[in-house]
Amino acid sequence: MGAWLYIMTNRKNGTLYVGVTTDLPRRAWEHREGVVVGFTKTYGLKRLVYFEFHDDLRNARQRESNVKHWPRAWKIRLIHQDNPNWDDLYERLA
């Protein structure tokens, strides 16, 4: 089963959240609507700014662990590679 690594934020250069899910549209919607109590709801992280697909859930979880331990500058560089304007990518999931 495949899975998605994704990054949510509240604004350009704002607070970052790195997560993994097998259903990216649903999970991004949950963050946007604030239906799950936690970090993203507390900090208003509703903008999906980065995602990448992995064929294996274990690989996605390992990548999540690695990215979470990266310095902030590396995460920002990752976002800038594909999304330099920090656009909300949620609409592209449809």
PDB file of N, CA and C in Angstrom:
ATOM      1  N   MET A   1       0.844  -1.180   0.000  1.00  0.00           N
ATOM      2  CA  MET A   1       0.000   0.000   0.000  1.00  0.00           C
ATOM      3  C   MET A   1       0.887   1.241   0.000  1.00  0.00           C
ATOM      4  N   GLY A   2       0.567   2.201  -0.845  1.00  0.00           N
ATOM      5  CA  GLY A   2       1.328   3.437  -0.921  1.00  0.00           C
ATOM      6  C   GLY A   2       0.869   4.461   0.105  1.00  0.00           C
ATOM      7  N   ALA A   3       1.654   5.502   0.238  1.00  0.00           N
ATOM      8  CA  ALA A   3       1.338   6.559   1.193  1.00  0.00           C
ATOM      9  C   ALA A   3       1.973   7.870   0.754  1.00  0.00           C
ATOM     10  N   TRP A   4       1.457   8.946   1.301  1.00  0.00           N
ATOM     11  CA  TRP A   4       1.900  10.300   0.987  1.00  0.00           C
ATOM     12  C   TRP A   4       2.623  10.930   2.171  1.00  0.00           C
ATOM     13  N   LEU A   5       3.749  11.527   1.920  1.00  0.00           N
ATOM     14  CA  LEU A   5       4.392  12.436   2.871  1.00  0.00           C
ATOM     15  C   LEU A   5       3.875  13.817   2.495  1.00  0.00           C
ATOM     16  N   TYR A   6       3.513  14.636   3.476  1.00  0.00           N
ATOM     17  CA  TYR A   6       2.990  15.961   3.159  1.00  0.00           C
ATOM     18  C   TYR A   6       3.435  16.979   4.205  1.00  0.00           C
ATOM     19  N   ILE A   7       3.383  18.248   3.813  1.00  0.00           N
ATOM     20  CA  ILE A   7       3.721  19.345   4.725  1.00  0.00           C
ATOM     21  C   ILE A   7       2.588  20.358   4.693  1.00  0.00           C
ATOM     22  N   MET A   8       2.120  20.720   5.882  1.00  0.00           N
ATOM     23  CA  MET A   8       1.084  21.743   6.057  1.00  0.00           C
ATOM     24  C   MET A   8       1.716  22.960   6.720  1.00  0.00           C
ATOM     25  N   THR A   9       1.126  24.135   6.463  1.00  0.00           N
ATOM     26  CA  THR A   9       1.573  25.365   7.098  1.00  0.00           C
ATOM     27  C   THR A   9       0.388  26.314   7.244  1.00  0.00           C
ATOM     28  N   ASN A  10       0.620  27.428   7.924  1.00  0.00           N
ATOM     29  CA  ASN A  10      -0.427  28.438   8.079  1.00  0.00           C
ATOM     30  C   ASN A  10      -0.208  29.628   7.143  1.00  0.00           C
ATOM     31  N   ARG A  11       1.023  29.807   6.670  1.00  0.00           N
ATOM     32  CA  ARG A  11       1.353  30.912   5.765  1.00  0.00           C
ATOM     33  C   ARG A  11       2.756  30.694   5.230  1.00  0.00           C
ATOM     34  N   LYS A  12       3.145  31.482   4.246  1.00  0.00           N
ATOM     35  CA  LYS A  12       4.495  31.380   3.699  1.00  0.00           C
ATOM     36  C   LYS A  12       5.513  31.585   4.816  1.00  0.00           C
ATOM     37  N   ASN A  13       6.471  30.667   4.896  1.00  0.00           N
ATOM     38  CA  ASN A  13       7.507  30.685   5.930  1.00  0.00           C
ATOM     39  C   ASN A  13       6.941  30.586   7.343  1.00  0.00           C
ATOM     40  N   GLY A  14       5.746  30.025   7.469  1.00  0.00           N
ATOM     41  CA  GLY A  14       5.113  29.886   8.775  1.00  0.00           C
ATOM     42  C   GLY A  14       5.483  28.581   9.465  1.00  0.00           C
ATOM     43  N   THR A  15       4.680  28.211  10.437  1.00  0.00           N
ATOM     44  CA  THR A  15       4.861  26.970  11.176  1.00  0.00           C
ATOM     45  C   THR A  15       4.661  25.792  10.228  1.00  0.00           C
ATOM     46  N   LEU A  16       5.489  24.752  10.377  1.00  0.00           N
ATOM     47  CA  LEU A  16       5.425  23.581   9.492  1.00  0.00           C
ATOM     48  C   LEU A  16       5.006  22.328  10.248  1.00  0.00           C
ATOM     49  N   TYR A  17       4.246  21.490   9.570  1.00  0.00           N
ATOM     50  CA  TYR A  17       3.871  20.183  10.089  1.00  0.00           C
ATOM     51  C   TYR A  17       4.136  19.152   9.004  1.00  0.00           C
ATOM     52  N   VAL A  18       4.866  18.111   9.337  1.00  0.00           N
ATOM     53  CA  VAL A  18       5.169  17.023   8.408  1.00  0.00           C
ATOM     54  C   VAL A  18       4.364  15.795   8.838  1.00  0.00           C
ATOM     55  N   GLY A  19       3.646  15.197   7.894  1.00  0.00           N
ATOM     56  CA  GLY A  19       2.847  14.028   8.213  1.00  0.00           C
ATOM     57  C   GLY A  19       2.860  13.000   7.097  1.00  0.00           C
ATOM     58  N   VAL A  20       2.243  11.841   7.374  1.00  0.00           N
ATOM     59  CA  VAL A  20       2.098  10.758   6.399  1.00  0.00           C
ATOM     60  C   VAL A  20       0.652  10.277   6.443  1.00  0.00           C
ATOM     61  N   THR A  21       0.122   9.942   5.281  1.00  0.00           N
ATOM     62  CA  THR A  21      -1.233   9.416   5.203  1.00  0.00           C
ATOM     63  C   THR A  21      -1.371   8.538   3.965  1.00  0.00           C
ATOM     64  N   THR A  22      -2.336   7.638   4.001  1.00  0.00           N
ATOM     65  CA  THR A  22      -2.636   6.836   2.818  1.00  0.00           C
ATOM     66  C   THR A  22      -3.738   7.493   1.984  1.00  0.00           C
ATOM     67  N   ASP A  23      -4.396   8.514   2.524  1.00  0.00           N
ATOM     68  CA  ASP A  23      -5.479   9.207   1.825  1.00  0.00           C
ATOM     69  C   ASP A  23      -5.260  10.713   1.946  1.00  0.00           C
ATOM     70  N   LEU A  24      -4.458  11.264   1.058  1.00  0.00           N
ATOM     71  CA  LEU A  24      -4.071  12.675   1.162  1.00  0.00           C
ATOM     72  C   LEU A  24      -5.245  13.645   1.043  1.00  0.00           C
ATOM     73  N   PRO A  25      -6.162  13.476   0.091  1.00  0.00           N
ATOM     74  CA  PRO A  25      -7.285  14.421   0.038  1.00  0.00           C
ATOM     75  C   PRO A  25      -8.092  14.472   1.336  1.00  0.00           C
ATOM     76  N   ARG A  26      -8.377  13.300   1.897  1.00  0.00           N
ATOM     77  CA  ARG A  26      -9.137  13.265   3.156  1.00  0.00           C
ATOM     78  C   ARG A  26      -8.364  13.915   4.287  1.00  0.00           C
ATOM     79  N   ARG A  27      -7.084  13.578   4.409  1.00  0.00           N
ATOM     80  CA  ARG A  27      -6.287  14.089   5.519  1.00  0.00           C
ATOM     81  C   ARG A  27      -6.085  15.604   5.410  1.00  0.00           C
ATOM     82  N   ALA A  28      -5.830  16.090   4.197  1.00  0.00           N
ATOM     83  CA  ALA A  28      -5.680  17.535   4.009  1.00  0.00           C
ATOM     84  C   ALA A  28      -6.983  18.248   4.359  1.00  0.00           C
ATOM     85  N   TRP A  29      -8.124  17.656   3.975  1.00  0.00           N
ATOM     86  CA  TRP A  29      -9.422  18.236   4.318  1.00  0.00           C
ATOM     87  C   TRP A  29      -9.595  18.292   5.838  1.00  0.00           C
ATOM     88  N   GLU A  30      -9.217  17.223   6.530  1.00  0.00           N
ATOM     89  CA  GLU A  30      -9.323  17.200   7.997  1.00  0.00           C
ATOM     90  C   GLU A  30      -8.510  18.323   8.629  1.00  0.00           C
ATOM     91  N   HIS A  31      -7.305  18.557   8.120  1.00  0.00           N
ATOM     92  CA  HIS A  31      -6.487  19.653   8.643  1.00  0.00           C
ATOM     93  C   HIS A  31      -7.162  20.998   8.353  1.00  0.00           C
ATOM     94  N   ARG A  32      -7.635  21.178   7.139  1.00  0.00           N
ATOM     95  CA  ARG A  32      -8.259  22.441   6.743  1.00  0.00           C
ATOM     96  C   ARG A  32      -9.493  22.761   7.576  1.00  0.00           C
ATOM     97  N   GLU A  33     -10.275  21.735   7.872  1.00  0.00           N
ATOM     98  CA  GLU A  33     -11.515  21.932   8.613  1.00  0.00           C
ATOM     99  C   GLU A  33     -11.317  21.895  10.124  1.00  0.00           C
ATOM    100  N   GLY A  34     -10.137  21.508  10.575  1.00  0.00           N
ATOM    101  CA  GLY A  34      -9.854  21.463  12.008  1.00  0.00           C
ATOM    102  C   GLY A  34     -10.634  20.401  12.746  1.00  0.00           C
ATOM    103  N   VAL A  35     -10.944  19.287  12.083  1.00  0.00           N
ATOM    104  CA  VAL A  35     -11.765  18.256  12.705  1.00  0.00           C
ATOM    105  C   VAL A  35     -10.988  17.369  13.675  1.00  0.00           C
ATOM    106  N   VAL A  36      -9.664  17.397  13.599  1.00  0.00           N
ATOM    107  CA  VAL A  36      -8.846  16.597  14.504  1.00  0.00           C
ATOM    108  C   VAL A  36      -8.099  17.534  15.449  1.00  0.00           C
ATOM    109  N   VAL A  37      -8.302  17.334  16.737  1.00  0.00           N
ATOM    110  CA  VAL A  37      -7.614  18.156  17.730  1.00  0.00           C
ATOM    111  C   VAL A  37      -6.139  17.779  17.738  1.00  0.00           C
ATOM    112  N   GLY A  38      -5.289  18.783  17.717  1.00  0.00           N
ATOM    113  CA  GLY A  38      -3.853  18.520  17.744  1.00  0.00           C
ATOM    114  C   GLY A  38      -3.059  19.721  17.274  1.00  0.00           C
ATOM    115  N   PHE A  39      -1.831  19.466  16.904  1.00  0.00           N
ATOM    116  CA  PHE A  39      -0.875  20.508  16.526  1.00  0.00           C
ATOM    117  C   PHE A  39      -1.390  21.382  15.386  1.00  0.00           C
ATOM    118  N   THR A  40      -1.879  20.751  14.318  1.00  0.00           N
ATOM    119  CA  THR A  40      -2.298  21.540  13.158  1.00  0.00           C
ATOM    120  C   THR A  40      -3.520  22.411  13.463  1.00  0.00           C
ATOM    121  N   LYS A  41      -4.419  21.931  14.292  1.00  0.00           N
ATOM    122  CA  LYS A  41      -5.580  22.736  14.663  1.00  0.00           C
ATOM    123  C   LYS A  41      -5.148  23.880  15.582  1.00  0.00           C
ATOM    124  N   THR A  42      -4.285  23.577  16.538  1.00  0.00           N
ATOM    125  CA  THR A  42      -3.815  24.595  17.487  1.00  0.00           C
ATOM    126  C   THR A  42      -3.143  25.765  16.774  1.00  0.00           C
ATOM    127  N   TYR A  43      -2.348  25.464  15.760  1.00  0.00           N
ATOM    128  CA  TYR A  43      -1.588  26.498  15.064  1.00  0.00           C
ATOM    129  C   TYR A  43      -2.212  26.933  13.736  1.00  0.00           C
ATOM    130  N   GLY A  44      -3.389  26.444  13.424  1.00  0.00           N
ATOM    131  CA  GLY A  44      -4.101  26.869  12.221  1.00  0.00           C
ATOM    132  C   GLY A  44      -3.401  26.501  10.928  1.00  0.00           C
ATOM    133  N   LEU A  45      -2.834  25.303  10.879  1.00  0.00           N
ATOM    134  CA  LEU A  45      -2.098  24.858   9.694  1.00  0.00           C
ATOM    135  C   LEU A  45      -3.076  24.248   8.695  1.00  0.00           C
ATOM    136  N   LYS A  46      -3.506  25.047   7.733  1.00  0.00           N
ATOM    137  CA  LYS A  46      -4.548  24.630   6.792  1.00  0.00           C
ATOM    138  C   LYS A  46      -4.075  24.614   5.352  1.00  0.00           C
ATOM    139  N   ARG A  47      -2.857  25.035   5.106  1.00  0.00           N
ATOM    140  CA  ARG A  47      -2.339  25.138   3.739  1.00  0.00           C
ATOM    141  C   ARG A  47      -1.412  23.968   3.431  1.00  0.00           C
ATOM    142  N   LEU A  48      -1.798  23.146   2.454  1.00  0.00           N
ATOM    143  CA  LEU A  48      -0.962  22.037   1.984  1.00  0.00           C
ATOM    144  C   LEU A  48       0.055  22.608   1.002  1.00  0.00           C
ATOM    145  N   VAL A  49       1.347  22.560   1.359  1.00  0.00           N
ATOM    146  CA  VAL A  49       2.359  23.196   0.515  1.00  0.00           C
ATOM    147  C   VAL A  49       3.325  22.212  -0.132  1.00  0.00           C
ATOM    148  N   TYR A  50       3.285  20.948   0.290  1.00  0.00           N
ATOM    149  CA  TYR A  50       4.195  19.960  -0.297  1.00  0.00           C
ATOM    150  C   TYR A  50       3.625  18.569  -0.091  1.00  0.00           C
ATOM    151  N   PHE A  51       3.823  17.705  -1.096  1.00  0.00           N
ATOM    152  CA  PHE A  51       3.504  16.292  -0.934  1.00  0.00           C
ATOM    153  C   PHE A  51       4.309  15.462  -1.909  1.00  0.00           C
ATOM    154  N   GLU A  52       4.549  14.217  -1.518  1.00  0.00           N
ATOM    155  CA  GLU A  52       5.247  13.266  -2.376  1.00  0.00           C
ATOM    156  C   GLU A  52       4.706  11.880  -2.082  1.00  0.00           C
ATOM    157  N   PHE A  53       4.588  11.072  -3.136  1.00  0.00           N
ATOM    158  CA  PHE A  53       4.032   9.733  -2.997  1.00  0.00           C
ATOM    159  C   PHE A  53       5.138   8.695  -2.871  1.00  0.00           C
ATOM    160  N   HIS A  54       4.894   7.687  -2.022  1.00  0.00           N
ATOM    161  CA  HIS A  54       5.796   6.550  -1.855  1.00  0.00           C
ATOM    162  C   HIS A  54       4.991   5.274  -2.078  1.00  0.00           C
ATOM    163  N   ASP A  55       5.563   4.341  -2.811  1.00  0.00           N
ATOM    164  CA  ASP A  55       4.865   3.091  -3.123  1.00  0.00           C
ATOM    165  C   ASP A  55       4.637   2.212  -1.900  1.00  0.00           C
ATOM    166  N   ASP A  56       5.425   2.420  -0.873  1.00  0.00           N
ATOM    167  CA  ASP A  56       5.346   1.586   0.325  1.00  0.00           C
ATOM    168  C   ASP A  56       5.163   2.473   1.553  1.00  0.00           C
ATOM    169  N   LEU A  57       4.199   2.127   2.395  1.00  0.00           N
ATOM    170  CA  LEU A  57       3.922   2.903   3.603  1.00  0.00           C
ATOM    171  C   LEU A  57       5.150   2.993   4.505  1.00  0.00           C
ATOM    172  N   ARG A  58       5.902   1.918   4.589  1.00  0.00           N
ATOM    173  CA  ARG A  58       7.103   1.932   5.437  1.00  0.00           C
ATOM    174  C   ARG A  58       8.114   2.957   4.946  1.00  0.00           C
ATOM    175  N   ASN A  59       8.260   3.066   3.635  1.00  0.00           N
ATOM    176  CA  ASN A  59       9.179   4.059   3.077  1.00  0.00           C
ATOM    177  C   ASN A  59       8.704   5.479   3.360  1.00  0.00           C
ATOM    178  N   ALA A  60       7.398   5.690   3.271  1.00  0.00           N
ATOM    179  CA  ALA A  60       6.841   7.011   3.566  1.00  0.00           C
ATOM    180  C   ALA A  60       7.060   7.373   5.031  1.00  0.00           C
ATOM    181  N   ARG A  61       6.870   6.426   5.921  1.00  0.00           N
ATOM    182  CA  ARG A  61       7.085   6.689   7.356  1.00  0.00           C
ATOM    183  C   ARG A  61       8.552   6.968   7.663  1.00  0.00           C
ATOM    184  N   GLN A  62       9.447   6.254   6.986  1.00  0.00           N
ATOM    185  CA  GLN A  62      10.873   6.513   7.185  1.00  0.00           C
ATOM    186  C   GLN A  62      11.235   7.900   6.675  1.00  0.00           C
ATOM    187  N   ARG A  63      10.687   8.264   5.514  1.00  0.00           N
ATOM    188  CA  ARG A  63      10.938   9.596   4.963  1.00  0.00           C
ATOM    189  C   ARG A  63      10.392  10.667   5.907  1.00  0.00           C
ATOM    190  N   GLU A  64       9.214  10.445   6.480  1.00  0.00           N
ATOM    191  CA  GLU A  64       8.632  11.380   7.439  1.00  0.00           C
ATOM    192  C   GLU A  64       9.573  11.560   8.624  1.00  0.00           C
ATOM    193  N   SER A  65      10.056  10.469   9.156  1.00  0.00           N
ATOM    194  CA  SER A  65      10.970  10.530  10.292  1.00  0.00           C
ATOM    195  C   SER A  65      12.220  11.329   9.941  1.00  0.00           C
ATOM    196  N   ASN A  66      12.759  11.081   8.758  1.00  0.00           N
ATOM    197  CA  ASN A  66      13.952  11.804   8.329  1.00  0.00           C
ATOM    198  C   ASN A  66      13.677  13.298   8.192  1.00  0.00           C
ATOM    199  N   VAL A  67      12.596  13.635   7.479  1.00  0.00           N
ATOM    200  CA  VAL A  67      12.279  15.048   7.231  1.00  0.00           C
ATOM    201  C   VAL A  67      11.969  15.776   8.537  1.00  0.00           C
ATOM    202  N   LYS A  68      11.276  15.131   9.456  1.00  0.00           N
ATOM    203  CA  LYS A  68      10.972  15.769  10.738  1.00  0.00           C
ATOM    204  C   LYS A  68      12.236  16.139  11.506  1.00  0.00           C
ATOM    205  N   HIS A  69      13.306  15.406  11.287  1.00  0.00           N
ATOM    206  CA  HIS A  69      14.556  15.684  11.990  1.00  0.00           C
ATOM    207  C   HIS A  69      15.479  16.627  11.234  1.00  0.00           C
ATOM    208  N   TRP A  70      15.085  17.017  10.040  1.00  0.00           N
ATOM    209  CA  TRP A  70      15.872  17.969   9.262  1.00  0.00           C
ATOM    210  C   TRP A  70      15.829  19.352   9.903  1.00  0.00           C
ATOM    211  N   PRO A  71      16.847  20.154   9.668  1.00  0.00           N
ATOM    212  CA  PRO A  71      16.761  21.573  10.058  1.00  0.00           C
ATOM    213  C   PRO A  71      15.626  22.252   9.262  1.00  0.00           C
ATOM    214  N   ARG A  72      15.058  23.269   9.845  1.00  0.00           N
ATOM    215  CA  ARG A  72      13.960  23.998   9.205  1.00  0.00           C
ATOM    216  C   ARG A  72      14.342  24.472   7.797  1.00  0.00           C
ATOM    217  N   ALA A  73      15.559  24.947   7.624  1.00  0.00           N
ATOM    218  CA  ALA A  73      16.013  25.457   6.321  1.00  0.00           C
ATOM    219  C   ALA A  73      15.907  24.385   5.237  1.00  0.00           C
ATOM    220  N   TRP A  74      16.171  23.147   5.565  1.00  0.00           N
ATOM    221  CA  TRP A  74      16.081  22.058   4.588  1.00  0.00           C
ATOM    222  C   TRP A  74      14.629  21.822   4.177  1.00  0.00           C
ATOM    223  N   LYS A  75      13.715  21.892   5.152  1.00  0.00           N
ATOM    224  CA  LYS A  75      12.291  21.704   4.849  1.00  0.00           C
ATOM    225  C   LYS A  75      11.801  22.829   3.943  1.00  0.00           C
ATOM    226  N   ILE A  76      12.220  24.042   4.236  1.00  0.00           N
ATOM    227  CA  ILE A  76      11.835  25.186   3.405  1.00  0.00           C
ATOM    228  C   ILE A  76      12.383  25.013   1.991  1.00  0.00           C
ATOM    229  N   ARG A  77      13.618  24.554   1.869  1.00  0.00           N
ATOM    230  CA  ARG A  77      14.214  24.316   0.557  1.00  0.00           C
ATOM    231  C   ARG A  77      13.415  23.256  -0.210  1.00  0.00           C
ATOM    232  N   LEU A  78      12.962  22.219   0.484  1.00  0.00           N
ATOM    233  CA  LEU A  78      12.160  21.173  -0.143  1.00  0.00           C
ATOM    234  C   LEU A  78      10.863  21.756  -0.704  1.00  0.00           C
ATOM    235  N   ILE A  79      10.205  22.593   0.070  1.00  0.00           N
ATOM    236  CA  ILE A  79       8.961  23.238  -0.382  1.00  0.00           C
ATOM    237  C   ILE A  79       9.244  24.130  -1.584  1.00  0.00           C
ATOM    238  N   HIS A  80      10.287  24.940  -1.490  1.00  0.00           N
ATOM    239  CA  HIS A  80      10.619  25.892  -2.560  1.00  0.00           C
ATOM    240  C   HIS A  80      10.930  25.212  -3.887  1.00  0.00           C
ATOM    241  N   GLN A  81      11.456  23.992  -3.868  1.00  0.00           N
ATOM    242  CA  GLN A  81      11.791  23.295  -5.114  1.00  0.00           C
ATOM    243  C   GLN A  81      10.577  23.140  -6.019  1.00  0.00           C
ATOM    244  N   ASP A  82       9.445  22.771  -5.454  1.00  0.00           N
ATOM    245  CA  ASP A  82       8.237  22.516  -6.242  1.00  0.00           C
ATOM    246  C   ASP A  82       7.159  23.582  -6.090  1.00  0.00           C
ATOM    247  N   ASN A  83       7.243  24.387  -5.051  1.00  0.00           N
ATOM    248  CA  ASN A  83       6.178  25.335  -4.745  1.00  0.00           C
ATOM    249  C   ASN A  83       6.782  26.634  -4.186  1.00  0.00           C
ATOM    250  N   PRO A  84       7.494  27.393  -5.019  1.00  0.00           N
ATOM    251  CA  PRO A  84       8.208  28.576  -4.523  1.00  0.00           C
ATOM    252  C   PRO A  84       7.299  29.654  -3.940  1.00  0.00           C
ATOM    253  N   ASN A  85       6.030  29.679  -4.334  1.00  0.00           N
ATOM    254  CA  ASN A  85       5.100  30.689  -3.808  1.00  0.00           C
ATOM    255  C   ASN A  85       4.308  30.196  -2.595  1.00  0.00           C
ATOM    256  N   TRP A  86       4.569  28.970  -2.180  1.00  0.00           N
ATOM    257  CA  TRP A  86       3.853  28.361  -1.056  1.00  0.00           C
ATOM    258  C   TRP A  86       2.343  28.357  -1.306  1.00  0.00           C
ATOM    259  N   ASP A  87       1.962  28.088  -2.558  1.00  0.00           N
ATOM    260  CA  ASP A  87       0.541  28.004  -2.892  1.00  0.00           C
ATOM    261  C   ASP A  87      -0.099  26.826  -2.160  1.00  0.00           C
ATOM    262  N   ASP A  88      -1.394  26.961  -1.884  1.00  0.00           N
ATOM    263  CA  ASP A  88      -2.137  25.848  -1.292  1.00  0.00           C
ATOM    264  C   ASP A  88      -2.414  24.824  -2.385  1.00  0.00           C
ATOM    265  N   LEU A  89      -1.856  23.634  -2.236  1.00  0.00           N
ATOM    266  CA  LEU A  89      -1.955  22.595  -3.258  1.00  0.00           C
ATOM    267  C   LEU A  89      -3.210  21.730  -3.118  1.00  0.00           C
ATOM    268  N   TYR A  90      -4.040  22.029  -2.147  1.00  0.00           N
ATOM    269  CA  TYR A  90      -5.223  21.206  -1.888  1.00  0.00           C
ATOM    270  C   TYR A  90      -6.104  21.071  -3.128  1.00  0.00           C
ATOM    271  N   GLU A  91      -6.305  22.150  -3.848  1.00  0.00           N
ATOM    272  CA  GLU A  91      -7.192  22.120  -5.024  1.00  0.00           C
ATOM    273  C   GLU A  91      -6.642  21.218  -6.135  1.00  0.00           C
ATOM    274  N   ARG A  92      -5.351  20.973  -6.137  1.00  0.00           N
ATOM    275  CA  ARG A  92      -4.737  20.121  -7.159  1.00  0.00           C
ATOM    276  C   ARG A  92      -4.985  18.631  -6.899  1.00  0.00           C
ATOM    277  N   LEU A  93      -5.515  18.304  -5.747  1.00  0.00           N
ATOM    278  CA  LEU A  93      -5.734  16.895  -5.398  1.00  0.00           C
ATOM    279  C   LEU A  93      -6.977  16.317  -6.069  1.00  0.00           C
ATOM    280  N   ALA A  94      -7.880  17.158  -6.497  1.00  0.00           N
ATOM    281  CA  ALA A  94      -9.157  16.684  -7.069  1.00  0.00           C
ATOM    282  C   ALA A  94      -8.983  16.002  -8.406  1.00  0.00           C
TER     283      ALA A  94
END
